[in-house]
Protein backbone atom coordinates (compact mmCIF):
# COMPACT_ATOMS: atom_id res chain seq x y z
CA MET A 1 0.28 -0.11 -0.09
CA PHE A 2 1.24 3.46 -0.94
CA VAL A 3 0.41 5.99 1.48
CA GLY A 4 1.23 9.84 1.80
CA THR A 5 1.95 12.19 3.72
CA GLY A 6 -0.19 15.22 2.50
CA SER A 7 -2.22 15.62 -0.89
CA ASP A 8 -0.26 15.63 -4.65
CA VAL A 9 2.41 13.73 -3.15
CA GLY A 10 3.23 11.40 -5.50
CA LYS A 11 0.66 8.12 -4.32
CA SER A 12 -1.32 7.37 -7.64
CA ILE A 13 1.46 8.00 -9.73
CA VAL A 14 3.93 5.64 -7.67
CA ASN A 15 0.79 3.26 -7.63
CA THR A 16 0.57 3.57 -11.40
CA ALA A 17 4.18 2.56 -11.79
CA PHE A 18 4.13 -0.31 -9.42
CA CYS A 19 1.23 -2.07 -11.23
CA ARG A 20 3.36 -2.25 -14.46
CA ILE A 21 6.57 -3.24 -12.41
CA PHE A 22 4.71 -5.95 -10.65
CA LEU A 23 3.00 -6.81 -14.24
CA GLU A 24 6.69 -6.88 -15.95
CA ASP A 25 8.29 -8.94 -12.93
CA GLY A 26 5.13 -11.86 -13.52
CA TYR A 27 2.84 -11.08 -11.31
CA ASN A 28 -0.96 -10.45 -11.47
CA PRO A 29 -1.55 -6.92 -9.73
CA ALA A 30 -4.81 -4.88 -9.86
CA PRO A 31 -5.40 -1.54 -7.68
CA TYR A 32 -7.49 -0.69 -5.04
CA LYS A 33 -8.63 2.68 -3.53
CA ALA A 34 -11.60 2.69 -0.83
CA GLN A 35 -12.42 6.19 -1.23
CA ASN A 36 -12.08 8.39 -3.56
CA MET A 37 -12.86 12.16 -3.92
CA SER A 38 -12.47 13.45 -8.03
CA LEU A 39 -14.34 14.79 -10.28
CA ASN A 40 -12.50 12.66 -13.09
CA SER A 41 -14.02 9.06 -13.30
CA TYR A 42 -14.72 6.61 -15.84
CA ALA A 43 -16.84 3.98 -17.20
CA THR A 44 -16.49 0.93 -16.57
CA PRO A 45 -17.33 -2.20 -18.75
CA ASP A 46 -20.65 -3.01 -17.19
CA GLY A 47 -21.53 0.49 -17.29
CA LEU A 48 -20.98 1.90 -13.50
CA GLU A 49 -18.61 4.23 -12.42
CA ILE A 50 -15.33 4.90 -10.74
CA GLY A 51 -12.38 7.02 -10.21
CA ARG A 52 -10.27 7.75 -13.27
CA ALA A 53 -7.09 7.16 -11.44
CA GLN A 54 -7.93 3.14 -10.59
CA ALA A 55 -8.94 3.10 -14.21
CA VAL A 56 -5.30 4.52 -15.64
CA GLN A 57 -4.15 1.69 -12.69
CA ALA A 58 -6.00 -1.12 -14.18
CA GLU A 59 -4.79 -0.20 -17.64
CA ALA A 60 -1.45 -0.15 -16.49
CA CYS A 61 -2.13 -3.68 -15.05
CA LYS A 62 -3.12 -4.44 -18.51
CA LEU A 63 -6.92 -4.64 -16.90
CA GLN A 64 -10.70 -3.72 -17.96
CA CYS A 65 -11.49 -1.88 -14.74
CA THR A 66 -14.03 -2.65 -11.92
CA THR A 67 -15.76 -0.87 -9.30
CA ASP A 68 -13.90 -3.74 -6.75
CA MET A 69 -10.73 -1.29 -7.13
CA ASN A 70 -13.04 2.17 -6.14
CA PRO A 71 -15.98 0.82 -4.15
CA VAL A 72 -16.10 4.09 -2.66
CA LEU A 73 -16.19 7.66 -5.10
CA LEU A 74 -17.32 10.92 -3.69
CA LYS A 75 -18.10 13.67 -6.61
CA PRO A 76 -18.00 17.32 -5.06
CA TYR A 77 -20.43 19.44 -7.23
CA GLY A 78 -20.55 22.82 -4.89
CA GLY A 79 -21.38 23.81 -0.92
CA ASN A 80 -19.14 21.54 0.43
CA LYS A 81 -21.60 18.69 -0.89
CA SER A 82 -20.41 15.67 -3.09
CA GLN A 83 -22.56 12.51 -4.77
CA VAL A 84 -21.48 9.95 -3.77
CA ILE A 85 -21.17 6.61 -5.56
CA LEU A 86 -21.16 3.10 -4.37
CA ASN A 87 -20.21 0.49 -5.97
CA GLY A 88 -20.19 2.42 -8.84
CA LYS A 89 -24.00 3.89 -8.33
CA PRO A 90 -25.16 7.09 -7.09
CA VAL A 91 -26.63 6.71 -3.66
CA GLY A 92 -27.33 10.36 -2.36
CA ASN A 93 -25.60 13.32 -1.82
CA MET A 94 -23.75 14.56 1.23
CA SER A 95 -22.31 17.45 3.07
CA ALA A 96 -18.58 17.35 3.56
CA ALA A 97 -19.42 17.93 7.58
CA ASP A 98 -22.19 15.08 7.12
CA TYR A 99 -20.30 12.48 5.59
CA PHE A 100 -16.70 13.54 7.65
CA LEU A 101 -17.82 14.24 10.88
CA LYS A 102 -21.43 13.10 11.82
CA ASN A 103 -21.59 9.37 10.22
CA ASN A 104 -19.14 6.78 11.46
CA LYS A 105 -19.39 5.44 7.37
CA GLN A 106 -18.98 2.09 8.84
CA GLU A 107 -21.03 0.47 5.97
CA LEU A 108 -19.41 2.05 3.67
CA PHE A 109 -16.27 0.67 5.41
CA ASN A 110 -17.73 -2.56 5.26
CA GLU A 111 -18.26 -2.37 1.21
CA ALA A 112 -14.94 -1.43 0.73
CA LYS A 113 -13.35 -4.43 2.48
CA ARG A 114 -15.87 -6.67 0.53
CA ALA A 115 -14.65 -4.89 -2.76
CA PHE A 116 -10.83 -5.79 -1.23
CA ASN A 117 -11.35 -8.92 -0.29
CA ARG A 118 -12.66 -9.97 -3.97
CA LEU A 119 -9.92 -8.50 -5.51
CA ASN A 120 -7.51 -9.87 -2.93
CA LYS A 121 -8.77 -13.49 -3.77
CA GLU A 122 -8.09 -12.94 -7.66
CA TYR A 123 -5.08 -11.09 -7.98
CA ASN A 124 -1.33 -10.92 -6.86
CA PRO A 125 -0.49 -8.38 -5.35
CA VAL A 126 -3.45 -5.89 -4.70
CA VAL A 127 -1.69 -2.18 -4.84
CA LEU A 128 -3.44 -0.19 -2.78
CA GLU A 129 -3.54 3.29 -2.51
CA GLY A 130 -4.39 5.93 0.67
CA ALA A 131 -5.95 9.73 0.61
CA GLY A 132 -4.58 12.90 1.61
CA SER A 133 -2.37 12.44 4.68
CA ILE A 134 -2.22 9.59 7.04
CA SER A 135 -2.81 11.48 10.34
CA GLU A 136 -5.19 13.54 10.10
CA LEU A 137 -6.45 12.86 13.71
CA ASN A 138 -9.54 14.91 13.71
CA LEU A 139 -10.65 12.30 11.08
CA TYR A 140 -8.57 9.12 11.56
CA ASP A 141 -11.38 7.17 13.41
CA ARG A 142 -13.27 7.81 10.26
CA ASP A 143 -10.94 7.27 7.28
CA ILE A 144 -11.86 4.33 5.35
CA THR A 145 -9.15 5.17 2.76
CA ASN A 146 -5.88 4.83 5.19
CA MET A 147 -4.41 3.07 7.69
CA ARG A 148 -7.46 1.30 8.55
CA MET A 149 -7.67 -0.30 5.61
CA ALA A 150 -4.47 -1.36 5.84
CA GLU A 151 -4.91 -3.02 8.69
CA HIS A 152 -7.99 -5.17 7.31
CA ALA A 153 -5.31 -5.79 4.14
CA ASN A 154 -2.73 -6.61 6.25
CA ALA A 155 -0.40 -4.69 3.84
CA ASN A 156 3.23 -3.88 3.92
CA VAL A 157 2.82 0.44 3.64
CA PHE A 158 5.42 2.51 2.17
CA LEU A 159 4.76 6.23 2.90
CA ILE A 160 5.72 8.82 -0.25
CA ALA A 161 6.74 12.11 0.92
CA ASP A 162 7.23 15.09 -1.66
CA ILE A 163 10.84 16.65 -1.30
CA ASP A 164 9.66 19.35 -3.99
CA ARG A 165 7.70 20.87 -1.39
CA GLY A 166 10.14 21.20 1.67
CA GLY A 167 10.07 20.37 5.00
CA VAL A 168 10.17 16.68 4.12
CA PHE A 169 11.83 15.71 7.82
CA ALA A 170 9.34 16.72 9.26
CA SER A 171 6.45 15.60 7.13
CA VAL A 172 7.62 11.90 7.48
CA TYR A 173 8.20 11.25 11.08
CA GLY A 174 4.70 13.42 12.03
CA SER A 175 3.31 11.14 9.80
CA VAL A 176 4.61 7.94 11.45
CA MET A 177 4.64 9.29 15.03
CA LEU A 178 1.42 10.37 14.89
CA LEU A 179 0.06 7.25 14.55
CA PRO A 180 -1.35 4.89 17.06
CA GLU A 181 1.10 1.85 17.40
CA LYS A 182 -0.69 -0.91 15.72
CA HIS A 183 -0.24 1.41 12.63
CA ARG A 184 3.14 2.65 12.95
CA LYS A 185 4.15 -1.08 12.71
CA LEU A 186 2.63 -1.61 9.22
CA ILE A 187 4.97 1.41 7.52
CA LYS A 188 7.48 -0.80 6.26
CA GLY A 189 9.24 1.83 3.83
CA ILE A 190 9.21 5.33 2.88
CA VAL A 191 9.85 7.06 -0.84
CA ILE A 192 10.97 10.50 -1.03
CA ASN A 193 9.45 11.28 -4.01
CA LYS A 194 9.98 14.78 -6.91
CA PHE A 195 13.73 15.03 -5.88
CA ARG A 196 15.49 17.55 -8.32
CA GLY A 197 19.41 17.97 -8.34
CA ASP A 198 21.97 15.47 -6.78
CA ILE A 199 20.49 12.31 -5.46
CA SER A 200 24.33 11.32 -3.39
CA LEU A 201 23.83 14.42 -2.10
CA PHE A 202 20.26 12.83 0.13
CA GLU A 203 22.14 10.06 1.64
CA GLU A 204 22.75 11.59 5.07
CA GLY A 205 19.24 12.43 4.72
CA ARG A 206 18.15 8.59 4.29
CA ASN A 207 19.97 7.79 7.42
CA ILE A 208 18.51 10.54 9.25
CA ILE A 209 14.95 9.56 8.51
CA LYS A 210 16.14 5.60 9.08
CA ASP A 211 17.55 6.98 12.52
CA ILE A 212 14.10 9.09 13.78
CA THR A 213 11.53 7.10 12.69
CA GLY A 214 13.06 3.22 12.63
CA VAL A 215 11.99 3.00 8.84
CA PRO A 216 13.88 2.84 5.75
CA VAL A 217 13.89 4.80 3.09
CA VAL A 218 13.62 2.57 0.01
CA GLY A 219 13.41 4.77 -2.81
CA VAL A 220 14.42 8.76 -4.31
CA ILE A 221 13.03 9.25 -6.83
CA PRO A 222 13.67 12.31 -9.16
CA TYR A 223 11.15 14.49 -10.38
CA TYR A 224 10.79 13.62 -14.09
CA LYS A 225 9.31 16.07 -16.91
CA ASP A 226 9.57 13.66 -20.39
CA ILE A 227 7.14 10.93 -18.64
CA TYR A 228 3.42 11.73 -18.97
CA ILE A 229 0.39 9.94 -17.29
CA GLU A 230 -2.66 11.37 -16.95
CA GLU A 231 -3.20 13.27 -13.94
CA GLU A 232 -6.13 12.63 -10.97
CA ASP A 233 -6.12 16.70 -10.17
CA SER A 234 -7.57 19.94 -11.98
CA VAL A 235 -4.83 22.17 -9.99
CA ALA A 236 -2.20 21.73 -12.52
CA LEU A 237 -4.88 23.10 -15.02
CA SER A 238 -3.89 26.07 -14.22
CA LYS A 239 -0.18 25.70 -15.12
CA LYS A 240 -0.77 24.88 -18.55
CA ALA A 241 0.45 27.13 -21.64
CA SER A 242 -1.83 29.86 -22.53
CA ASP A 243 0.10 31.73 -24.63
CA TYR A 244 -0.45 31.88 -28.63
CA CYS A 245 1.53 29.39 -30.69
CA ALA A 246 1.46 31.13 -34.43
CA ASP A 247 2.89 27.56 -35.74
CA LYS A 248 0.57 25.53 -33.81
CA ILE A 249 -3.36 25.05 -33.88
CA ASN A 250 -4.64 27.13 -30.57
CA ILE A 251 -7.38 25.58 -28.49
CA ALA A 252 -8.56 26.66 -25.26
CA VAL A 253 -10.74 24.84 -22.73
CA VAL A 254 -12.85 27.20 -20.73
CA HIS A 255 -12.10 26.62 -17.43
CA ILE A 256 -14.99 26.30 -15.20
CA ASN A 257 -15.02 25.66 -11.67
CA HIS A 258 -16.61 22.11 -11.66
CA MET A 259 -15.04 20.66 -14.24
CA SER A 260 -14.80 16.99 -14.99
CA ASN A 261 -13.34 14.18 -17.30
CA PHE A 262 -10.28 17.27 -18.33
CA THR A 263 -8.73 13.56 -19.57
CA ASP A 264 -10.43 14.31 -22.28
CA PHE A 265 -8.13 16.58 -23.97
CA ASN A 266 -5.04 14.74 -23.49
CA VAL A 267 -4.39 13.56 -26.90
CA LEU A 268 -4.87 16.71 -28.02
CA GLU A 269 -2.79 18.19 -25.25
CA ARG A 270 -0.26 15.87 -26.27
CA ASN A 271 -0.76 16.47 -30.32
CA PRO A 272 2.53 18.43 -31.41
CA SER A 273 0.56 20.56 -33.92
CA VAL A 274 -1.60 21.62 -30.86
CA ASN A 275 -1.03 24.28 -28.47
CA LEU A 276 -4.05 23.47 -25.59
CA PHE A 277 -4.48 26.04 -22.76
CA TYR A 278 -7.05 26.30 -20.13
CA ALA A 279 -8.74 30.18 -20.37
CA SER A 280 -9.11 31.23 -17.18
CA ALA A 281 -10.45 34.93 -18.21
CA PRO A 282 -12.33 35.63 -21.37
CA GLU A 283 -9.96 37.63 -23.41
CA GLN A 284 -7.55 34.36 -23.01
CA LEU A 285 -10.22 33.03 -25.93
CA GLN A 286 -9.95 35.54 -28.23
CA SER A 287 -6.42 34.12 -29.22
CA ALA A 288 -7.75 30.69 -29.72
CA ASP A 289 -8.90 29.13 -33.12
CA ILE A 290 -10.83 26.46 -30.85
CA ILE A 291 -12.80 27.02 -27.93
CA ILE A 292 -13.78 23.43 -25.94
CA LEU A 293 -16.60 23.78 -23.19
CA PRO A 294 -15.73 20.75 -20.97
CA GLY A 295 -18.12 18.22 -18.95
CA SER A 296 -19.45 20.44 -15.56
CA LYS A 297 -20.46 18.15 -12.10
CA ASN A 298 -22.73 21.39 -12.01
CA THR A 299 -23.45 22.74 -15.31
CA ILE A 300 -26.37 25.22 -13.69
CA ALA A 301 -24.03 26.79 -11.79
CA ASP A 302 -21.00 26.56 -14.27
CA LEU A 303 -22.79 28.25 -16.80
CA ILE A 304 -24.03 30.78 -14.60
CA ASP A 305 -20.63 32.06 -13.30
CA ILE A 306 -19.35 31.93 -17.15
CA ARG A 307 -22.00 34.19 -18.22
CA LYS A 308 -21.31 36.58 -15.20
CA ARG A 309 -17.45 36.69 -15.61
CA GLY A 310 -17.97 37.36 -19.32
CA PHE A 311 -17.42 34.08 -20.82
CA VAL A 312 -20.79 33.62 -23.05
CA THR A 313 -19.72 37.25 -24.43
CA GLU A 314 -16.17 36.12 -26.12
CA ILE A 315 -17.73 32.66 -27.12
CA LEU A 316 -20.70 34.01 -29.25
CA LYS A 317 -18.61 36.69 -30.83
CA ALA A 318 -15.89 33.64 -31.65
CA LYS A 319 -19.02 31.76 -33.35
CA ASP A 320 -19.53 34.56 -35.01
CA ASN A 321 -16.62 34.99 -36.44
CA GLY A 322 -15.99 31.74 -37.89
CA LYS A 323 -14.27 29.84 -34.78
CA LYS A 324 -15.14 26.20 -34.01
CA ILE A 325 -16.95 25.79 -30.74
CA VAL A 326 -17.53 22.38 -29.08
CA GLY A 327 -19.37 20.77 -26.02
CA ILE A 328 -18.67 17.76 -24.03
CA CYS A 329 -21.41 16.49 -21.88
CA GLY A 330 -22.24 19.60 -19.27
CA GLY A 331 -20.47 21.70 -22.02
CA TYR A 332 -22.67 20.44 -24.54
CA GLN A 333 -25.72 20.98 -22.11
CA MET A 334 -24.93 24.78 -21.81
CA MET A 335 -24.04 25.21 -25.77
CA GLY A 336 -28.64 24.92 -26.12
CA GLU A 337 -31.43 27.14 -25.65
CA GLU A 338 -31.66 26.70 -21.76
CA ILE A 339 -31.64 24.07 -19.01
CA LEU A 340 -33.88 22.81 -16.75
CA ASP A 341 -33.86 21.27 -13.19
CA PRO A 342 -37.25 20.41 -12.21
CA ASP A 343 -35.96 17.62 -9.70
CA GLY A 344 -33.61 19.93 -8.07
CA VAL A 345 -30.74 17.34 -9.11
CA GLU A 346 -28.59 20.31 -8.58
CA GLY A 347 -29.70 22.58 -6.38
CA ASP A 348 -32.96 25.07 -6.23
CA ILE A 349 -32.44 27.00 -9.87
CA GLU A 350 -34.89 25.14 -11.66
CA ARG A 351 -34.53 26.60 -15.37
CA VAL A 352 -31.32 28.63 -16.38
CA GLU A 353 -30.86 29.66 -19.95
CA GLY A 354 -28.21 28.53 -22.67
CA LEU A 355 -25.62 29.91 -24.81
CA GLY A 356 -28.26 29.36 -27.85
CA LEU A 357 -25.64 27.97 -30.41
CA LEU A 358 -27.63 24.72 -30.59
CA PRO A 359 -31.35 24.21 -30.75
CA THR A 360 -31.99 21.90 -28.15
CA VAL A 361 -33.00 21.99 -24.39
CA THR A 362 -31.23 19.47 -21.55
CA VAL A 363 -33.42 18.34 -19.15
CA LEU A 364 -31.48 17.23 -15.64
CA GLU A 365 -32.79 14.21 -14.34
CA THR A 366 -32.32 11.86 -11.36
CA THR A 367 -30.99 8.52 -13.33
CA LYS A 368 -27.41 8.75 -13.63
CA VAL A 369 -26.19 7.38 -17.59
CA THR A 370 -22.97 5.39 -17.15
CA GLU A 371 -22.01 3.55 -20.21
CA GLN A 372 -18.90 2.60 -22.03
CA CYS A 373 -20.31 3.10 -25.97
CA THR A 374 -18.46 2.13 -29.63
CA PHE A 375 -20.01 4.85 -32.00
CA TYR A 376 -19.28 6.65 -35.78
CA TYR A 377 -18.16 9.81 -35.81
CA LYS A 378 -20.08 11.73 -38.45
CA GLU A 379 -19.88 9.97 -41.67
CA SER A 380 -17.22 7.87 -40.66
CA LYS A 381 -17.47 4.45 -41.14
CA ASN A 382 -14.48 3.79 -38.51
CA ARG A 383 -15.34 2.58 -35.08
CA SER A 384 -14.98 5.30 -32.56
CA TYR A 385 -14.93 4.84 -28.65
CA GLY A 386 -15.86 6.81 -25.57
CA TYR A 387 -18.22 7.01 -22.63
CA GLU A 388 -21.24 8.71 -21.02
CA ILE A 389 -21.35 9.83 -17.38
CA HIS A 390 -23.85 12.15 -16.94
CA MET A 391 -27.68 12.85 -15.45
CA GLY A 392 -29.57 14.28 -17.77
CA SER A 393 -31.34 14.18 -21.28
CA THR A 394 -31.08 16.60 -24.35
CA LYS A 395 -33.60 17.07 -27.14
CA PHE A 396 -34.08 18.99 -29.89
CA THR A 397 -36.14 22.33 -30.93
CA ASP A 398 -35.32 22.46 -34.49
CA LYS A 399 -34.26 20.64 -37.14
CA SER A 400 -30.39 19.67 -36.69
CA GLU A 401 -27.98 17.35 -37.37
CA ASN A 402 -26.48 14.56 -35.13
CA VAL A 403 -22.78 14.22 -34.41
CA ASN A 404 -22.61 10.85 -34.29
CA VAL A 405 -24.26 7.15 -34.39
CA ILE A 406 -23.84 5.04 -31.15
CA GLU A 407 -24.31 1.03 -31.91
CA ASN A 408 -27.61 -0.17 -30.30
CA ARG A 409 -29.17 2.78 -29.49
CA GLY A 410 -29.06 5.14 -32.39
CA SER A 411 -28.02 8.78 -32.64
CA GLU A 412 -26.03 11.27 -30.21
CA GLY A 413 -24.99 14.56 -30.18
CA CYS A 414 -26.04 18.31 -31.80
CA MET A 415 -24.87 19.52 -34.72
CA ILE A 416 -25.11 23.24 -36.39
CA SER A 417 -21.98 22.63 -38.84
CA ASP A 418 -18.67 21.45 -38.58
CA SER A 419 -17.78 24.29 -36.73
CA CYS A 420 -20.33 24.23 -33.72
CA TRP A 421 -21.30 20.96 -32.74
CA GLY A 422 -21.42 18.83 -28.97
CA SER A 423 -21.70 15.32 -27.42
CA TYR A 424 -22.24 13.90 -24.37
CA ILE A 425 -19.65 10.98 -25.38
CA HIS A 426 -16.17 11.17 -22.85
CA GLY A 427 -13.01 10.27 -24.46
CA ILE A 428 -14.26 11.28 -27.99
CA PHE A 429 -11.03 13.10 -28.95
CA ASP A 430 -9.29 9.65 -28.08
CA ASN A 431 -10.31 8.65 -31.66
CA ASP A 432 -8.30 9.62 -35.00
CA ASP A 433 -11.20 10.50 -37.18
CA VAL A 434 -12.19 12.73 -34.36
CA ILE A 435 -9.30 14.95 -34.04
CA ASN A 436 -8.32 14.95 -37.53
CA ASP A 437 -12.12 16.63 -38.42
CA LEU A 438 -11.06 19.25 -35.61
CA LEU A 439 -8.08 20.30 -36.44
CA SER A 440 -8.88 20.38 -40.06
CA GLY A 441 -9.12 23.21 -42.02
CA PHE A 442 -6.00 25.31 -40.31
CA LYS A 443 -2.80 25.92 -42.23
CA VAL A 444 -1.14 23.45 -39.67
CA LYS A 445 -1.33 19.89 -40.78
CA PRO A 446 -2.15 17.74 -37.31
CA VAL A 447 0.33 15.02 -36.40
CA LEU A 448 -1.56 11.75 -35.44
CA TYR A 449 -0.57 8.73 -33.35
CA ASN A 450 -1.51 5.55 -31.77
CA HIS A 451 -2.79 7.12 -28.39
CA ASP A 452 -3.05 3.45 -26.81
CA ARG A 453 0.17 2.79 -27.95
CA TYR A 454 1.49 5.90 -26.51
CA LYS A 455 0.13 5.74 -23.13
CA GLN A 456 1.82 2.03 -22.52
CA GLU A 457 4.87 3.28 -23.63
CA GLN A 458 4.77 5.95 -21.02
CA TYR A 459 3.54 3.14 -18.21
CA THR A 460 6.49 1.42 -19.17
CA LYS A 461 8.69 4.67 -18.87
CA LEU A 462 7.52 5.31 -15.56
CA ALA A 463 8.42 2.07 -14.30
CA ALA A 464 11.36 1.88 -15.60
CA HIS A 465 11.91 5.40 -13.56
CA VAL A 466 10.65 4.25 -10.49
CA ARG A 467 12.52 1.06 -10.54
CA ASN A 468 15.97 2.53 -11.37
CA TYR A 469 15.74 4.70 -8.20
CA CYS A 470 14.02 2.40 -5.77
CA ASP A 471 15.68 -0.86 -3.53
CA MET A 472 13.64 -3.19 -5.42
CA ASP A 473 15.60 -6.06 -3.84
CA MET A 474 14.40 -4.47 -0.32
CA ILE A 475 11.03 -4.37 -0.98
CA TYR A 476 10.53 -7.71 -2.49
CA LYS A 477 12.35 -8.72 0.58
CA ILE A 478 9.33 -6.83 2.75
CA LEU A 479 6.90 -7.75 0.58
CA LYS A 480 7.46 -11.67 0.80
CA GLN A 481 8.05 -11.73 4.60
CA GLU A 482 5.41 -14.04 6.57
């Protein structure tokens, strides 16, 4: 199990690396995280929902993902509230206070343990991931993701610390020493992550950490810039490039408050023909050739917000100037004439005016659609692949064209021209037909590549990087102790 001294120390990435390392070494690994909090989710083959990070880790194991890999998923949607997904299905909405403080979550913990037990019978090893800090004392007795789960699994636990943010000795020592004795004994190794500079200079640091905690440092992993693994958190999006590039196709993704599934744009971001950035101010849209409205966990609130901030005015100007405008999922809903919420799915606002770019009306519904899909894009005869995760149905108010035809289901999406369309399908830009069409009509010739092959190459590079800077002999010795 990989746990952390805090959030964003690299748990998901290190977990992904070891999933691939164990696979390469002849084992049959599977990922697991009891509870995830993320707006980046994924539809399993059987039409259920899990956190995207565990889907990525399953991919590194060359497995199809299942809900047992992430039995509890929290999807924040505003007002300190989250939708609770249990075993792939929504079971209700809860405030943060109710979820973390007023409820001991025993039944959720029981479900999480059952999910782990099922995986543990089928796979070896199960590679568990913790969440945030392992030493949040005010939440410790109600935490179902970290050391209580480690205790249930009898896991060998490795603590990850981010040296790049500073204070690594204090964070490691405090994290270990604040644990109850029974949980402290489960910590078998320390991994120092995101190291910059000459690693040999940290030899004394290794010894100090061992002396003060009694736990050996099993790896010091250097910071890297040339390996690309899907990120779980949207924190890093504001760091994406936003400068205009004259020799590339400039694509602006509107940075909304409740953005979901920003991994939709990974293929575009990696394309050498493209400069993709996340626009946090409306004037940034002026330099874009293509504008994309992304998915949202709270479409109505985000639509109201971007209107107040002046984005809608810039988007409508861009449309009049012939720029391409595309909406995905919640962004597709925003592009219509109006969004209705008669059942209060997203809150108290029953109706909001849309952008009016598409002749559609969306009604938000209590039933959630979570499906993988095979579809044909526009007039293409080639199969494309994606998935849907949304609460709502969209209907035309005037004659218009569909974007896609989904196998065994029929038409999907709405298009008024090649330059203005929307679709519910996440992962739509992972397909060559869609990319080729989206990037057509510009002076820059698009460069295509095999995204699936690219991702597998990245998992292999990540595994080699982590393997090279960890004491694998020591780690295997720890894991094989009875």
